[in-house]
Amino acid sequence: MSEDHTQLVNINTASQDALDAVGSLAGHGYEIVRYREERGGFTALRQLDEVPGLSGKVDDATRACLTL
């Protein structure tokens, strides 16, 4: 049995608070929610680099906690 009980955070449905609680997304939940409301849902995790303030800041450890 795996001891990793971490639940993935869906960047297309998560609240601002839920996004703020994930690694290098901390403090950027508002921008992520605003981006997806203006442009529609994300189709790839790499699109987080298009969110103002996040370009190049989302590390692999954070991406491992995310889903679409």
Protein backbone atom coordinates (compact mmCIF):
# COMPACT_ATOMS: atom_id res chain seq x y z
CA MET A 1 0.00 0.00 0.00
CA SER A 2 1.32 3.42 -0.93
CA GLU A 3 1.89 5.94 1.82
CA ASP A 4 1.37 8.86 -0.55
CA HIS A 5 -2.14 10.10 0.14
CA THR A 6 -1.75 13.34 -1.76
CA GLN A 7 -4.73 14.22 -3.89
CA LEU A 8 -4.07 15.89 -7.22
CA VAL A 9 -5.37 19.43 -7.68
CA ASN A 10 -7.30 20.02 -10.90
CA ILE A 11 -6.23 23.38 -12.28
CA ASN A 12 -9.47 23.65 -14.27
CA THR A 13 -11.78 23.31 -11.29
CA ALA A 14 -9.81 24.17 -8.14
CA SER A 15 -10.64 27.25 -6.12
CA GLN A 16 -8.21 30.12 -5.65
CA ASP A 17 -7.48 28.91 -2.11
CA ALA A 18 -6.79 25.35 -3.26
CA LEU A 19 -4.38 26.59 -5.92
CA ASP A 20 -2.63 28.92 -3.47
CA ALA A 21 -1.92 25.89 -1.27
CA VAL A 22 0.13 24.08 -3.94
CA GLY A 23 3.91 24.55 -3.95
CA SER A 24 5.13 27.20 -6.35
CA LEU A 25 1.56 28.30 -7.16
CA ALA A 26 1.27 29.96 -3.72
CA GLY A 27 -0.04 33.48 -4.10
CA HIS A 28 -1.02 32.97 -7.75
CA GLY A 29 -4.41 31.30 -7.33
CA TYR A 30 -6.26 34.46 -8.31
CA GLU A 31 -4.30 34.82 -11.56
CA ILE A 32 -4.85 31.16 -12.46
CA VAL A 33 -8.61 31.37 -11.89
CA ARG A 34 -8.81 34.64 -13.81
CA TYR A 35 -6.80 33.17 -16.71
CA ARG A 36 -9.08 30.15 -17.07
CA GLU A 37 -12.23 32.28 -16.79
CA GLU A 38 -11.00 34.58 -19.55
CA ARG A 39 -9.51 31.97 -21.89
CA GLY A 40 -11.26 28.74 -21.01
CA GLY A 41 -9.84 25.68 -19.32
CA PHE A 42 -6.27 24.55 -19.49
CA THR A 43 -5.44 21.78 -21.97
CA ALA A 44 -1.86 21.22 -20.74
CA LEU A 45 -0.03 21.90 -17.48
CA ARG A 46 2.63 23.84 -19.42
CA GLN A 47 0.00 26.52 -20.07
CA LEU A 48 0.57 27.69 -16.49
CA ASP A 49 3.63 29.46 -17.91
CA GLU A 50 1.19 31.75 -19.78
CA VAL A 51 -0.41 32.95 -16.53
CA PRO A 52 0.90 36.39 -15.57
CA GLY A 53 3.55 36.04 -12.88
CA LEU A 54 4.10 32.31 -13.33
CA SER A 55 6.33 32.08 -16.39
CA GLY A 56 9.20 29.75 -15.52
CA LYS A 57 8.20 29.53 -11.84
CA VAL A 58 6.21 26.30 -11.77
CA ASP A 59 8.61 23.55 -10.77
CA ASP A 60 8.36 19.83 -11.47
CA ALA A 61 7.38 19.05 -7.86
CA THR A 62 4.39 21.36 -8.19
CA ARG A 63 3.42 19.97 -11.61
CA ALA A 64 3.40 16.48 -10.06
CA CYS A 65 0.60 17.64 -7.72
CA LEU A 66 -1.60 18.93 -10.55
CA THR A 67 -4.02 17.48 -13.06
CA LEU A 68 -6.42 18.75 -15.74
